[in-house]
Amino acid sequence: MTDIAESPTLTEPSVTEGAAETAGPPEGNPGLIGLPLIIAGAVGLGFTNTGIVSTSAAPVPVLLSGTAVGLLITTIWAAALRQNVTATIYGTFFGFYGSYSVLSLGLAHNWFGIPAGGVQETVSLWLASWLLTIGILTVLTIRLPWTFPVLFAVVDVALALLLLGNVTGSVAATRLGGWAVFVFVAFVVYFWAAALWQETGGRALPLGRPLKV
């Protein structure tokens, strides 16, 4: 989520044979845009799911106009720098936040013609789809510093609790899922601090060793 393309375990071979050894990858850190916008969107989701804010559509303005748009820009920037893993992660979260916005607006305005009795199943399908997707991402990022797969595991726990709450009607499970979102926010705040600290001339903050080399 910071400039993870610089990690030794993620260095990719040059696409141009015979290129000068001194020519490194283009410089840039897309996380400087993506991380604060992830935080803003996640805080909105956390407030909603914990019941601090009662209106389920409350975070949509931030998610749609801020987080989703910003993550699209971040993904394109990372791809342009050939930071493929970074682009994959930000692109996945762009899909998550963007689809949540569309889901919320679509259900509120009946864009999809889903009957009232089908709303619960629709939301469950959305949650299950993203639980599977980010669960796979958790496993596939095991070679990154341990803070990354643990971060994604926190998202998995939050989604599993929200799915349980939606299927069973358990308010407690939904609120626990909301508090798990705030744990995710804490991780991302650290990543953002690490990115800005290094970008402004400070020493790199530790992100941990890979769980698997």
N, C-alpha and C. Protein backbone atom coordinates (compact mmCIF):
# COMPACT_ATOMS: atom_id res chain seq x y z
N MET A 1 0.83 -1.19 0.00
CA MET A 1 0.00 0.00 0.00
C MET A 1 0.87 1.25 0.00
N THR A 2 2.03 1.16 0.64
CA THR A 2 3.05 2.16 0.35
C THR A 2 3.71 1.71 -0.92
N ASP A 3 4.90 2.22 -1.23
CA ASP A 3 5.51 1.86 -2.50
C ASP A 3 6.11 0.47 -2.39
N ILE A 4 5.26 -0.55 -2.40
CA ILE A 4 5.71 -1.91 -2.16
C ILE A 4 6.51 -2.46 -3.32
N ALA A 5 6.50 -1.79 -4.46
CA ALA A 5 7.30 -2.28 -5.59
C ALA A 5 8.78 -2.19 -5.30
N GLU A 6 9.19 -1.40 -4.27
CA GLU A 6 10.59 -1.28 -3.95
C GLU A 6 11.08 -2.42 -3.09
N SER A 7 10.18 -3.25 -2.57
CA SER A 7 10.58 -4.38 -1.74
C SER A 7 11.40 -5.35 -2.55
N PRO A 8 12.53 -5.89 -1.98
CA PRO A 8 13.36 -6.82 -2.72
C PRO A 8 12.61 -8.04 -3.19
N THR A 9 11.58 -8.46 -2.46
CA THR A 9 10.85 -9.65 -2.85
C THR A 9 9.90 -9.39 -4.01
N LEU A 10 9.74 -8.12 -4.37
CA LEU A 10 8.78 -7.78 -5.41
C LEU A 10 9.42 -7.17 -6.64
N THR A 11 10.77 -7.11 -6.65
CA THR A 11 11.43 -6.51 -7.78
C THR A 11 11.16 -7.33 -9.03
N GLU A 12 10.72 -6.67 -10.09
CA GLU A 12 10.36 -7.37 -11.32
C GLU A 12 11.45 -7.17 -12.37
N PRO A 13 11.71 -8.16 -13.23
CA PRO A 13 12.74 -8.02 -14.24
C PRO A 13 12.39 -6.94 -15.24
N SER A 14 13.42 -6.35 -15.82
CA SER A 14 13.20 -5.31 -16.82
C SER A 14 12.53 -5.90 -18.04
N VAL A 15 11.62 -5.16 -18.65
CA VAL A 15 10.93 -5.65 -19.84
C VAL A 15 11.76 -5.42 -21.09
N THR A 16 12.85 -4.68 -20.94
CA THR A 16 13.69 -4.39 -22.10
C THR A 16 15.03 -5.06 -21.93
N GLU A 17 15.34 -6.02 -22.80
CA GLU A 17 16.61 -6.72 -22.74
C GLU A 17 17.72 -5.76 -23.10
N GLY A 18 18.84 -5.87 -22.36
CA GLY A 18 20.00 -5.06 -22.69
C GLY A 18 19.92 -3.64 -22.19
N ALA A 19 18.93 -3.32 -21.35
CA ALA A 19 18.82 -1.96 -20.83
C ALA A 19 19.98 -1.68 -19.90
N ALA A 20 20.34 -0.45 -19.75
CA ALA A 20 21.45 -0.08 -18.91
C ALA A 20 21.17 -0.48 -17.48
N GLU A 21 22.18 -1.03 -16.79
CA GLU A 21 21.99 -1.52 -15.44
C GLU A 21 21.66 -0.39 -14.48
N THR A 22 22.08 0.81 -14.81
CA THR A 22 21.86 1.93 -13.91
C THR A 22 20.45 2.50 -14.02
N ALA A 23 19.70 2.08 -15.03
CA ALA A 23 18.35 2.62 -15.22
C ALA A 23 17.39 1.89 -14.31
N GLY A 24 16.86 2.58 -13.29
CA GLY A 24 15.93 1.98 -12.37
C GLY A 24 14.50 2.22 -12.81
N PRO A 25 13.55 1.70 -12.06
CA PRO A 25 12.14 1.91 -12.40
C PRO A 25 11.76 3.36 -12.19
N PRO A 26 10.73 3.83 -12.87
CA PRO A 26 10.27 5.21 -12.67
C PRO A 26 9.91 5.43 -11.21
N GLU A 27 10.19 6.61 -10.71
CA GLU A 27 9.94 6.90 -9.31
C GLU A 27 8.51 7.39 -9.10
N GLY A 28 8.00 7.14 -7.93
CA GLY A 28 6.66 7.60 -7.59
C GLY A 28 6.08 6.74 -6.50
N ASN A 29 5.15 7.27 -5.74
CA ASN A 29 4.49 6.51 -4.69
C ASN A 29 2.99 6.80 -4.72
N PRO A 30 2.23 6.00 -5.46
CA PRO A 30 0.79 6.21 -5.58
C PRO A 30 0.05 6.15 -4.25
N GLY A 31 0.65 5.50 -3.26
CA GLY A 31 0.01 5.41 -1.96
C GLY A 31 -0.21 6.75 -1.29
N LEU A 32 0.55 7.75 -1.69
CA LEU A 32 0.37 9.08 -1.11
C LEU A 32 -1.01 9.64 -1.43
N ILE A 33 -1.61 9.18 -2.51
CA ILE A 33 -2.99 9.55 -2.83
C ILE A 33 -3.97 8.51 -2.30
N GLY A 34 -3.67 7.25 -2.54
CA GLY A 34 -4.62 6.19 -2.24
C GLY A 34 -4.87 5.96 -0.77
N LEU A 35 -3.83 6.02 0.06
CA LEU A 35 -3.98 5.67 1.47
C LEU A 35 -4.92 6.59 2.25
N PRO A 36 -4.78 7.92 2.15
CA PRO A 36 -5.72 8.77 2.90
C PRO A 36 -7.16 8.61 2.44
N LEU A 37 -7.36 8.32 1.15
CA LEU A 37 -8.72 8.16 0.66
C LEU A 37 -9.33 6.83 1.11
N ILE A 38 -8.48 5.81 1.25
CA ILE A 38 -8.96 4.55 1.83
C ILE A 38 -9.40 4.78 3.27
N ILE A 39 -8.61 5.56 4.01
CA ILE A 39 -8.95 5.86 5.40
C ILE A 39 -10.30 6.56 5.48
N ALA A 40 -10.48 7.60 4.67
CA ALA A 40 -11.73 8.36 4.70
C ALA A 40 -12.94 7.48 4.44
N GLY A 41 -12.84 6.62 3.42
CA GLY A 41 -13.96 5.75 3.10
C GLY A 41 -14.21 4.71 4.17
N ALA A 42 -13.13 4.13 4.73
CA ALA A 42 -13.28 3.09 5.74
C ALA A 42 -13.87 3.66 7.03
N VAL A 43 -13.49 4.89 7.39
CA VAL A 43 -14.07 5.50 8.58
C VAL A 43 -15.58 5.63 8.43
N GLY A 44 -16.03 6.03 7.24
CA GLY A 44 -17.46 6.13 6.99
C GLY A 44 -18.16 4.79 7.14
N LEU A 45 -17.55 3.73 6.60
CA LEU A 45 -18.14 2.40 6.73
C LEU A 45 -18.16 1.94 8.18
N GLY A 46 -17.07 2.24 8.90
CA GLY A 46 -17.00 1.85 10.30
C GLY A 46 -18.07 2.54 11.13
N PHE A 47 -18.26 3.83 10.91
CA PHE A 47 -19.29 4.57 11.65
C PHE A 47 -20.68 4.01 11.36
N THR A 48 -20.91 3.63 10.12
CA THR A 48 -22.22 3.10 9.75
C THR A 48 -22.47 1.74 10.37
N ASN A 49 -21.51 0.84 10.24
CA ASN A 49 -21.71 -0.54 10.69
C ASN A 49 -21.68 -0.69 12.21
N THR A 50 -21.04 0.22 12.92
CA THR A 50 -21.07 0.16 14.38
C THR A 50 -22.33 0.79 14.95
N GLY A 51 -23.09 1.47 14.10
CA GLY A 51 -24.32 2.11 14.58
C GLY A 51 -24.12 3.52 15.08
N ILE A 52 -22.88 4.04 14.98
CA ILE A 52 -22.63 5.42 15.39
C ILE A 52 -23.42 6.37 14.49
N VAL A 53 -23.50 6.01 13.21
CA VAL A 53 -24.34 6.73 12.25
C VAL A 53 -25.42 5.77 11.79
N SER A 54 -26.66 6.18 11.86
CA SER A 54 -27.76 5.24 11.61
C SER A 54 -28.12 5.09 10.14
N THR A 55 -27.78 6.07 9.30
CA THR A 55 -28.15 6.03 7.89
C THR A 55 -27.12 5.23 7.10
N SER A 56 -27.55 4.13 6.49
CA SER A 56 -26.60 3.24 5.80
C SER A 56 -25.94 3.89 4.61
N ALA A 57 -26.61 4.86 3.99
CA ALA A 57 -26.05 5.52 2.81
C ALA A 57 -25.17 6.72 3.17
N ALA A 58 -24.96 6.97 4.48
CA ALA A 58 -24.22 8.16 4.90
C ALA A 58 -22.82 8.27 4.30
N PRO A 59 -22.04 7.18 4.19
CA PRO A 59 -20.68 7.33 3.66
C PRO A 59 -20.59 7.39 2.14
N VAL A 60 -21.70 7.23 1.44
CA VAL A 60 -21.65 7.15 -0.02
C VAL A 60 -21.03 8.38 -0.68
N PRO A 61 -21.35 9.61 -0.27
CA PRO A 61 -20.71 10.76 -0.92
C PRO A 61 -19.19 10.72 -0.86
N VAL A 62 -18.65 10.35 0.30
CA VAL A 62 -17.20 10.24 0.43
C VAL A 62 -16.68 9.08 -0.41
N LEU A 63 -17.35 7.94 -0.34
CA LEU A 63 -16.89 6.75 -1.04
C LEU A 63 -16.89 6.93 -2.55
N LEU A 64 -17.93 7.56 -3.06
CA LEU A 64 -18.08 7.67 -4.51
C LEU A 64 -17.21 8.78 -5.09
N SER A 65 -17.30 9.98 -4.51
CA SER A 65 -16.59 11.12 -5.09
C SER A 65 -15.15 11.24 -4.63
N GLY A 66 -14.83 10.63 -3.48
CA GLY A 66 -13.48 10.72 -2.97
C GLY A 66 -12.71 9.43 -3.10
N THR A 67 -13.12 8.42 -2.36
CA THR A 67 -12.35 7.18 -2.29
C THR A 67 -12.30 6.44 -3.62
N ALA A 68 -13.45 6.21 -4.24
CA ALA A 68 -13.46 5.44 -5.48
C ALA A 68 -12.71 6.17 -6.59
N VAL A 69 -12.97 7.46 -6.77
CA VAL A 69 -12.28 8.24 -7.82
C VAL A 69 -10.78 8.27 -7.54
N GLY A 70 -10.41 8.52 -6.27
CA GLY A 70 -8.99 8.58 -5.92
C GLY A 70 -8.29 7.26 -6.12
N LEU A 71 -8.95 6.15 -5.80
CA LEU A 71 -8.32 4.84 -5.99
C LEU A 71 -8.18 4.47 -7.47
N LEU A 72 -9.11 4.95 -8.28
CA LEU A 72 -8.96 4.74 -9.73
C LEU A 72 -7.71 5.46 -10.23
N ILE A 73 -7.53 6.70 -9.80
CA ILE A 73 -6.33 7.46 -10.18
C ILE A 73 -5.08 6.77 -9.66
N THR A 74 -5.13 6.31 -8.41
CA THR A 74 -3.99 5.64 -7.80
C THR A 74 -3.62 4.36 -8.56
N THR A 75 -4.63 3.61 -8.95
CA THR A 75 -4.39 2.36 -9.69
C THR A 75 -3.73 2.65 -11.03
N ILE A 76 -4.23 3.65 -11.73
CA ILE A 76 -3.66 4.00 -13.04
C ILE A 76 -2.22 4.48 -12.88
N TRP A 77 -1.98 5.28 -11.85
CA TRP A 77 -0.63 5.78 -11.59
C TRP A 77 0.32 4.62 -11.30
N ALA A 78 -0.10 3.69 -10.43
CA ALA A 78 0.74 2.54 -10.10
C ALA A 78 1.02 1.69 -11.33
N ALA A 79 0.02 1.48 -12.16
CA ALA A 79 0.21 0.69 -13.38
C ALA A 79 1.18 1.39 -14.33
N ALA A 80 1.07 2.73 -14.41
CA ALA A 80 1.98 3.49 -15.29
C ALA A 80 3.42 3.37 -14.82
N LEU A 81 3.62 3.20 -13.51
CA LEU A 81 4.96 3.04 -12.96
C LEU A 81 5.42 1.58 -12.99
N ARG A 82 4.58 0.71 -13.52
CA ARG A 82 4.84 -0.73 -13.59
C ARG A 82 4.94 -1.35 -12.21
N GLN A 83 4.25 -0.78 -11.24
CA GLN A 83 4.13 -1.35 -9.90
C GLN A 83 2.90 -2.26 -9.91
N ASN A 84 3.07 -3.43 -10.49
CA ASN A 84 1.92 -4.28 -10.78
C ASN A 84 1.20 -4.76 -9.53
N VAL A 85 1.95 -5.13 -8.51
CA VAL A 85 1.31 -5.60 -7.28
C VAL A 85 0.56 -4.46 -6.60
N THR A 86 1.17 -3.29 -6.56
CA THR A 86 0.52 -2.12 -5.99
C THR A 86 -0.77 -1.81 -6.74
N ALA A 87 -0.71 -1.83 -8.06
CA ALA A 87 -1.89 -1.56 -8.87
C ALA A 87 -2.98 -2.60 -8.62
N THR A 88 -2.59 -3.85 -8.43
CA THR A 88 -3.56 -4.90 -8.14
C THR A 88 -4.30 -4.63 -6.84
N ILE A 89 -3.55 -4.26 -5.81
CA ILE A 89 -4.16 -4.02 -4.50
C ILE A 89 -5.09 -2.81 -4.54
N TYR A 90 -4.60 -1.71 -5.09
CA TYR A 90 -5.45 -0.51 -5.14
C TYR A 90 -6.65 -0.71 -6.07
N GLY A 91 -6.43 -1.43 -7.16
CA GLY A 91 -7.54 -1.70 -8.08
C GLY A 91 -8.62 -2.55 -7.42
N THR A 92 -8.19 -3.50 -6.60
CA THR A 92 -9.16 -4.33 -5.88
C THR A 92 -9.99 -3.48 -4.92
N PHE A 93 -9.34 -2.59 -4.20
CA PHE A 93 -10.08 -1.75 -3.26
C PHE A 93 -10.93 -0.70 -3.99
N PHE A 94 -10.48 -0.29 -5.16
CA PHE A 94 -11.34 0.59 -5.98
C PHE A 94 -12.63 -0.13 -6.32
N GLY A 95 -12.52 -1.39 -6.72
CA GLY A 95 -13.71 -2.18 -7.03
C GLY A 95 -14.60 -2.35 -5.82
N PHE A 96 -14.00 -2.57 -4.65
CA PHE A 96 -14.77 -2.75 -3.43
C PHE A 96 -15.56 -1.49 -3.08
N TYR A 97 -14.87 -0.37 -2.99
CA TYR A 97 -15.53 0.88 -2.61
C TYR A 97 -16.51 1.35 -3.68
N GLY A 98 -16.11 1.24 -4.94
CA GLY A 98 -16.99 1.68 -6.02
C GLY A 98 -18.26 0.86 -6.08
N SER A 99 -18.12 -0.46 -5.92
CA SER A 99 -19.31 -1.32 -6.00
C SER A 99 -20.22 -1.12 -4.79
N TYR A 100 -19.63 -0.79 -3.63
CA TYR A 100 -20.47 -0.48 -2.47
C TYR A 100 -21.32 0.76 -2.73
N SER A 101 -20.71 1.76 -3.35
CA SER A 101 -21.44 2.99 -3.65
C SER A 101 -22.59 2.72 -4.60
N VAL A 102 -22.31 1.94 -5.64
CA VAL A 102 -23.35 1.61 -6.63
C VAL A 102 -24.44 0.76 -5.98
N LEU A 103 -24.03 -0.18 -5.14
CA LEU A 103 -25.01 -1.02 -4.45
C LEU A 103 -25.93 -0.18 -3.58
N SER A 104 -25.35 0.71 -2.79
CA SER A 104 -26.16 1.54 -1.89
C SER A 104 -27.11 2.44 -2.65
N LEU A 105 -26.60 3.12 -3.67
CA LEU A 105 -27.44 4.01 -4.46
C LEU A 105 -28.50 3.24 -5.23
N GLY A 106 -28.10 2.10 -5.79
CA GLY A 106 -29.02 1.30 -6.58
C GLY A 106 -30.17 0.76 -5.76
N LEU A 107 -29.86 0.30 -4.53
CA LEU A 107 -30.93 -0.21 -3.67
C LEU A 107 -31.83 0.92 -3.18
N ALA A 108 -31.22 2.08 -2.88
CA ALA A 108 -32.02 3.20 -2.38
C ALA A 108 -32.97 3.75 -3.43
N HIS A 109 -32.56 3.71 -4.70
CA HIS A 109 -33.37 4.30 -5.78
C HIS A 109 -34.00 3.25 -6.70
N ASN A 110 -33.84 1.98 -6.31
CA ASN A 110 -34.42 0.88 -7.07
C ASN A 110 -33.96 0.86 -8.52
N TRP A 111 -32.66 1.10 -8.72
CA TRP A 111 -32.11 1.08 -10.08
C TRP A 111 -32.16 -0.31 -10.70
N PHE A 112 -32.04 -1.34 -9.88
CA PHE A 112 -31.89 -2.70 -10.40
C PHE A 112 -33.18 -3.49 -10.40
N GLY A 113 -34.26 -2.89 -9.93
CA GLY A 113 -35.55 -3.58 -9.90
C GLY A 113 -35.57 -4.75 -8.95
N ILE A 114 -34.77 -4.71 -7.90
CA ILE A 114 -34.74 -5.80 -6.92
C ILE A 114 -35.90 -5.63 -5.95
N PRO A 115 -36.73 -6.63 -5.81
CA PRO A 115 -37.87 -6.50 -4.87
C PRO A 115 -37.37 -6.43 -3.43
N ALA A 116 -38.18 -5.90 -2.56
CA ALA A 116 -37.80 -5.72 -1.16
C ALA A 116 -37.33 -7.03 -0.52
N GLY A 117 -37.97 -8.13 -0.92
CA GLY A 117 -37.59 -9.43 -0.36
C GLY A 117 -36.24 -9.93 -0.83
N GLY A 118 -35.69 -9.31 -1.89
CA GLY A 118 -34.40 -9.77 -2.42
C GLY A 118 -33.23 -8.92 -1.99
N VAL A 119 -33.48 -7.87 -1.20
CA VAL A 119 -32.39 -6.96 -0.80
C VAL A 119 -31.37 -7.69 0.07
N GLN A 120 -31.85 -8.46 1.03
CA GLN A 120 -30.94 -9.15 1.93
C GLN A 120 -30.03 -10.11 1.16
N GLU A 121 -30.59 -10.86 0.22
CA GLU A 121 -29.78 -11.78 -0.57
C GLU A 121 -28.77 -11.03 -1.44
N THR A 122 -29.20 -9.88 -1.97
CA THR A 122 -28.29 -9.08 -2.80
C THR A 122 -27.10 -8.60 -2.00
N VAL A 123 -27.37 -8.09 -0.81
CA VAL A 123 -26.28 -7.62 0.06
C VAL A 123 -25.39 -8.79 0.48
N SER A 124 -25.99 -9.93 0.78
CA SER A 124 -25.21 -11.12 1.15
C SER A 124 -24.31 -11.56 0.01
N LEU A 125 -24.82 -11.52 -1.20
CA LEU A 125 -24.02 -11.89 -2.37
C LEU A 125 -22.85 -10.93 -2.53
N TRP A 126 -23.10 -9.64 -2.35
CA TRP A 126 -22.03 -8.65 -2.46
C TRP A 126 -20.96 -8.91 -1.41
N LEU A 127 -21.37 -9.13 -0.18
CA LEU A 127 -20.41 -9.38 0.90
C LEU A 127 -19.62 -10.67 0.65
N ALA A 128 -20.30 -11.72 0.22
CA ALA A 128 -19.64 -13.00 -0.01
C ALA A 128 -18.65 -12.90 -1.17
N SER A 129 -19.02 -12.16 -2.20
CA SER A 129 -18.12 -12.00 -3.35
C SER A 129 -16.82 -11.33 -2.95
N TRP A 130 -16.94 -10.27 -2.14
CA TRP A 130 -15.73 -9.55 -1.72
C TRP A 130 -14.97 -10.30 -0.65
N LEU A 131 -15.64 -11.06 0.18
CA LEU A 131 -14.95 -11.90 1.15
C LEU A 131 -14.07 -12.92 0.43
N LEU A 132 -14.60 -13.54 -0.62
CA LEU A 132 -13.82 -14.51 -1.39
C LEU A 132 -12.65 -13.82 -2.09
N THR A 133 -12.91 -12.68 -2.72
CA THR A 133 -11.87 -11.99 -3.48
C THR A 133 -10.73 -11.52 -2.59
N ILE A 134 -11.05 -10.87 -1.49
CA ILE A 134 -10.00 -10.36 -0.62
C ILE A 134 -9.37 -11.50 0.18
N GLY A 135 -10.11 -12.57 0.41
CA GLY A 135 -9.52 -13.75 1.02
C GLY A 135 -8.43 -14.34 0.15
N ILE A 136 -8.68 -14.42 -1.15
CA ILE A 136 -7.66 -14.89 -2.09
C ILE A 136 -6.47 -13.94 -2.11
N LEU A 137 -6.76 -12.63 -2.11
CA LEU A 137 -5.68 -11.62 -2.09
C LEU A 137 -4.83 -11.78 -0.84
N THR A 138 -5.44 -12.11 0.29
CA THR A 138 -4.70 -12.33 1.53
C THR A 138 -3.67 -13.43 1.36
N VAL A 139 -4.08 -14.53 0.77
CA VAL A 139 -3.18 -15.67 0.58
C VAL A 139 -2.08 -15.34 -0.43
N LEU A 140 -2.45 -14.66 -1.50
CA LEU A 140 -1.49 -14.40 -2.57
C LEU A 140 -0.47 -13.32 -2.23
N THR A 141 -0.69 -12.58 -1.16
CA THR A 141 0.27 -11.54 -0.76
C THR A 141 1.13 -11.99 0.42
N ILE A 142 1.23 -13.28 0.63
CA ILE A 142 1.97 -13.79 1.78
C ILE A 142 3.47 -13.50 1.68
N ARG A 143 3.97 -13.20 0.48
CA ARG A 143 5.39 -12.90 0.31
C ARG A 143 5.69 -11.43 0.60
N LEU A 144 4.67 -10.62 0.82
CA LEU A 144 4.88 -9.23 1.20
C LEU A 144 5.21 -9.15 2.69
N PRO A 145 5.69 -8.00 3.18
CA PRO A 145 5.83 -7.83 4.64
C PRO A 145 4.54 -8.21 5.36
N TRP A 146 4.69 -8.81 6.54
CA TRP A 146 3.55 -9.45 7.20
C TRP A 146 2.39 -8.49 7.46
N THR A 147 2.67 -7.20 7.54
CA THR A 147 1.58 -6.25 7.81
C THR A 147 0.54 -6.23 6.69
N PHE A 148 0.94 -6.60 5.47
CA PHE A 148 -0.02 -6.57 4.36
C PHE A 148 -1.02 -7.71 4.43
N PRO A 149 -0.57 -8.99 4.49
CA PRO A 149 -1.58 -10.05 4.61
C PRO A 149 -2.39 -9.97 5.89
N VAL A 150 -1.80 -9.46 6.98
CA VAL A 150 -2.57 -9.31 8.22
C VAL A 150 -3.64 -8.23 8.03
N LEU A 151 -3.27 -7.14 7.34
CA LEU A 151 -4.26 -6.10 7.02
C LEU A 151 -5.44 -6.69 6.25
N PHE A 152 -5.14 -7.48 5.23
CA PHE A 152 -6.21 -8.06 4.42
C PHE A 152 -7.00 -9.09 5.23
N ALA A 153 -6.33 -9.78 6.16
CA ALA A 153 -7.04 -10.73 7.02
C ALA A 153 -8.05 -10.00 7.91
N VAL A 154 -7.70 -8.79 8.36
CA VAL A 154 -8.64 -7.99 9.14
C VAL A 154 -9.87 -7.66 8.29
N VAL A 155 -9.65 -7.33 7.02
CA VAL A 155 -10.77 -7.07 6.12
C VAL A 155 -11.63 -8.32 5.97
N ASP A 156 -10.99 -9.48 5.87
CA ASP A 156 -11.73 -10.74 5.77
C ASP A 156 -12.62 -10.95 7.00
N VAL A 157 -12.06 -10.68 8.18
CA VAL A 157 -12.84 -10.85 9.41
C VAL A 157 -14.03 -9.89 9.42
N ALA A 158 -13.77 -8.64 9.03
CA ALA A 158 -14.86 -7.65 9.00
C ALA A 158 -15.97 -8.09 8.05
N LEU A 159 -15.59 -8.54 6.86
CA LEU A 159 -16.59 -8.95 5.88
C LEU A 159 -17.35 -10.19 6.35
N ALA A 160 -16.64 -11.13 6.99
CA ALA A 160 -17.30 -12.34 7.49
C ALA A 160 -18.32 -11.98 8.56
N LEU A 161 -17.97 -11.06 9.45
CA LEU A 161 -18.90 -10.65 10.51
C LEU A 161 -20.10 -9.91 9.92
N LEU A 162 -19.84 -9.04 8.93
CA LEU A 162 -20.94 -8.31 8.30
C LEU A 162 -21.86 -9.27 7.54
N LEU A 163 -21.27 -10.28 6.91
CA LEU A 163 -22.07 -11.27 6.20
C LEU A 163 -22.92 -12.06 7.20
N LEU A 164 -22.32 -12.45 8.31
CA LEU A 164 -23.07 -13.16 9.35
C LEU A 164 -24.21 -12.30 9.88
N GLY A 165 -23.91 -11.03 10.12
CA GLY A 165 -24.95 -10.14 10.61
C GLY A 165 -26.08 -9.95 9.63
N ASN A 166 -25.74 -9.89 8.33
CA ASN A 166 -26.77 -9.70 7.32
C ASN A 166 -27.64 -10.94 7.15
N VAL A 167 -27.01 -12.11 7.20
CA VAL A 167 -27.76 -13.36 6.99
C VAL A 167 -28.65 -13.68 8.20
N THR A 168 -28.11 -13.48 9.40
CA THR A 168 -28.84 -13.87 10.61
C THR A 168 -29.63 -12.73 11.24
N GLY A 169 -29.37 -11.51 10.79
CA GLY A 169 -30.02 -10.37 11.41
C GLY A 169 -29.39 -9.98 12.73
N SER A 170 -28.18 -10.46 13.01
CA SER A 170 -27.51 -10.18 14.27
C SER A 170 -26.89 -8.79 14.26
N VAL A 171 -27.41 -7.91 15.10
CA VAL A 171 -26.86 -6.56 15.23
C VAL A 171 -25.46 -6.62 15.83
N ALA A 172 -25.24 -7.56 16.76
CA ALA A 172 -23.93 -7.68 17.41
C ALA A 172 -22.85 -8.03 16.40
N ALA A 173 -23.13 -8.96 15.49
CA ALA A 173 -22.14 -9.35 14.48
C ALA A 173 -21.83 -8.19 13.55
N THR A 174 -22.87 -7.45 13.16
CA THR A 174 -22.67 -6.29 12.29
C THR A 174 -21.80 -5.24 12.96
N ARG A 175 -22.07 -4.98 14.23
CA ARG A 175 -21.29 -3.97 14.93
C ARG A 175 -19.85 -4.42 15.18
N LEU A 176 -19.67 -5.71 15.45
CA LEU A 176 -18.30 -6.22 15.56
C LEU A 176 -17.55 -6.06 14.24
N GLY A 177 -18.26 -6.30 13.13
CA GLY A 177 -17.66 -6.07 11.82
C GLY A 177 -17.25 -4.62 11.63
N GLY A 178 -18.09 -3.70 12.13
CA GLY A 178 -17.76 -2.29 12.06
C GLY A 178 -16.52 -1.94 12.86
N TRP A 179 -16.38 -2.52 14.06
CA TRP A 179 -15.18 -2.26 14.86
C TRP A 179 -13.94 -2.87 14.21
N ALA A 180 -14.10 -3.99 13.52
CA ALA A 180 -12.97 -4.57 12.78
C ALA A 180 -12.51 -3.62 11.68
N VAL A 181 -13.45 -2.88 11.09
CA VAL A 181 -13.09 -1.88 10.08
C VAL A 181 -12.16 -0.83 10.68
N PHE A 182 -12.38 -0.46 11.93
CA PHE A 182 -11.52 0.53 12.57
C PHE A 182 -10.12 -0.03 12.82
N VAL A 183 -9.99 -1.34 13.04
CA VAL A 183 -8.66 -1.97 13.13
C VAL A 183 -7.95 -1.84 11.78
N PHE A 184 -8.69 -2.09 10.70
CA PHE A 184 -8.15 -1.89 9.35
C PHE A 184 -7.68 -0.45 9.17
N VAL A 185 -8.47 0.51 9.63
CA VAL A 185 -8.10 1.92 9.52
C VAL A 185 -6.78 2.19 10.24
N ALA A 186 -6.59 1.59 11.41
CA ALA A 186 -5.35 1.80 12.16
C ALA A 186 -4.14 1.34 11.37
N PHE A 187 -4.25 0.18 10.70
CA PHE A 187 -3.16 -0.30 9.86
C PHE A 187 -2.86 0.69 8.73
N VAL A 188 -3.91 1.16 8.07
CA VAL A 188 -3.71 2.04 6.91
C VAL A 188 -3.13 3.38 7.35
N VAL A 189 -3.53 3.86 8.52
CA VAL A 189 -2.94 5.10 9.05
C VAL A 189 -1.43 4.93 9.20
N TYR A 190 -1.01 3.76 9.69
CA TYR A 190 0.43 3.52 9.83
C TYR A 190 1.12 3.49 8.46
N PHE A 191 0.50 2.84 7.49
CA PHE A 191 1.08 2.81 6.15
C PHE A 191 1.21 4.22 5.57
N TRP A 192 0.19 5.03 5.79
CA TRP A 192 0.23 6.41 5.29
C TRP A 192 1.34 7.20 5.99
N ALA A 193 1.45 7.04 7.30
CA ALA A 193 2.51 7.71 8.04
C ALA A 193 3.87 7.27 7.54
N ALA A 194 4.04 5.98 7.27
CA ALA A 194 5.31 5.48 6.77
C ALA A 194 5.63 6.08 5.41
N ALA A 195 4.63 6.17 4.55
CA ALA A 195 4.85 6.71 3.20
C ALA A 195 5.23 8.18 3.26
N LEU A 196 4.48 8.97 4.02
CA LEU A 196 4.75 10.41 4.10
C LEU A 196 6.05 10.69 4.84
N TRP A 197 6.33 9.91 5.88
CA TRP A 197 7.56 10.12 6.65
C TRP A 197 8.78 9.93 5.75
N GLN A 198 8.77 8.87 4.96
CA GLN A 198 9.90 8.61 4.07
C GLN A 198 9.94 9.62 2.93
N GLU A 199 8.78 10.00 2.42
CA GLU A 199 8.73 10.93 1.29
C GLU A 199 9.24 12.32 1.69
N THR A 200 9.09 12.67 2.96
CA THR A 200 9.53 13.98 3.43
C THR A 200 10.94 13.95 4.02
N GLY A 201 11.66 12.86 3.75
CA GLY A 201 13.07 12.80 4.12
C GLY A 201 13.38 12.00 5.36
N GLY A 202 12.40 11.39 5.99
CA GLY A 202 12.64 10.59 7.18
C GLY A 202 13.11 9.19 6.84
N ARG A 203 13.53 8.46 7.87
CA ARG A 203 13.93 7.07 7.68
C ARG A 203 12.70 6.20 7.46
N ALA A 204 12.88 5.16 6.68
CA ALA A 204 11.75 4.27 6.38
C ALA A 204 11.26 3.60 7.66
N LEU A 205 9.97 3.63 7.87
CA LEU A 205 9.38 2.94 9.02
C LEU A 205 9.23 1.46 8.70
N PRO A 206 9.42 0.58 9.68
CA PRO A 206 9.37 -0.86 9.41
C PRO A 206 7.97 -1.34 9.06
N LEU A 207 7.89 -2.21 8.07
CA LEU A 207 6.61 -2.82 7.68
C LEU A 207 6.58 -4.31 8.01
N GLY A 208 7.68 -4.82 8.57
CA GLY A 208 7.72 -6.22 8.95
C GLY A 208 8.36 -7.10 7.90
N ARG A 209 8.72 -8.29 8.32
CA ARG A 209 9.30 -9.28 7.41
C ARG A 209 8.20 -10.05 6.69
N PRO A 210 8.52 -10.59 5.52
CA PRO A 210 7.54 -11.43 4.84
C PRO A 210 7.24 -12.68 5.66
N LEU A 211 5.98 -13.14 5.62
CA LEU A 211 5.62 -14.37 6.30
C LEU A 211 6.23 -15.59 5.62
N LYS A 212 6.45 -15.46 4.30
CA LYS A 212 7.03 -16.55 3.51
C LYS A 212 7.97 -15.97 2.48
N VAL A 213 9.20 -16.46 2.43
CA VAL A 213 10.18 -15.95 1.47
C VAL A 213 10.04 -16.67 0.15
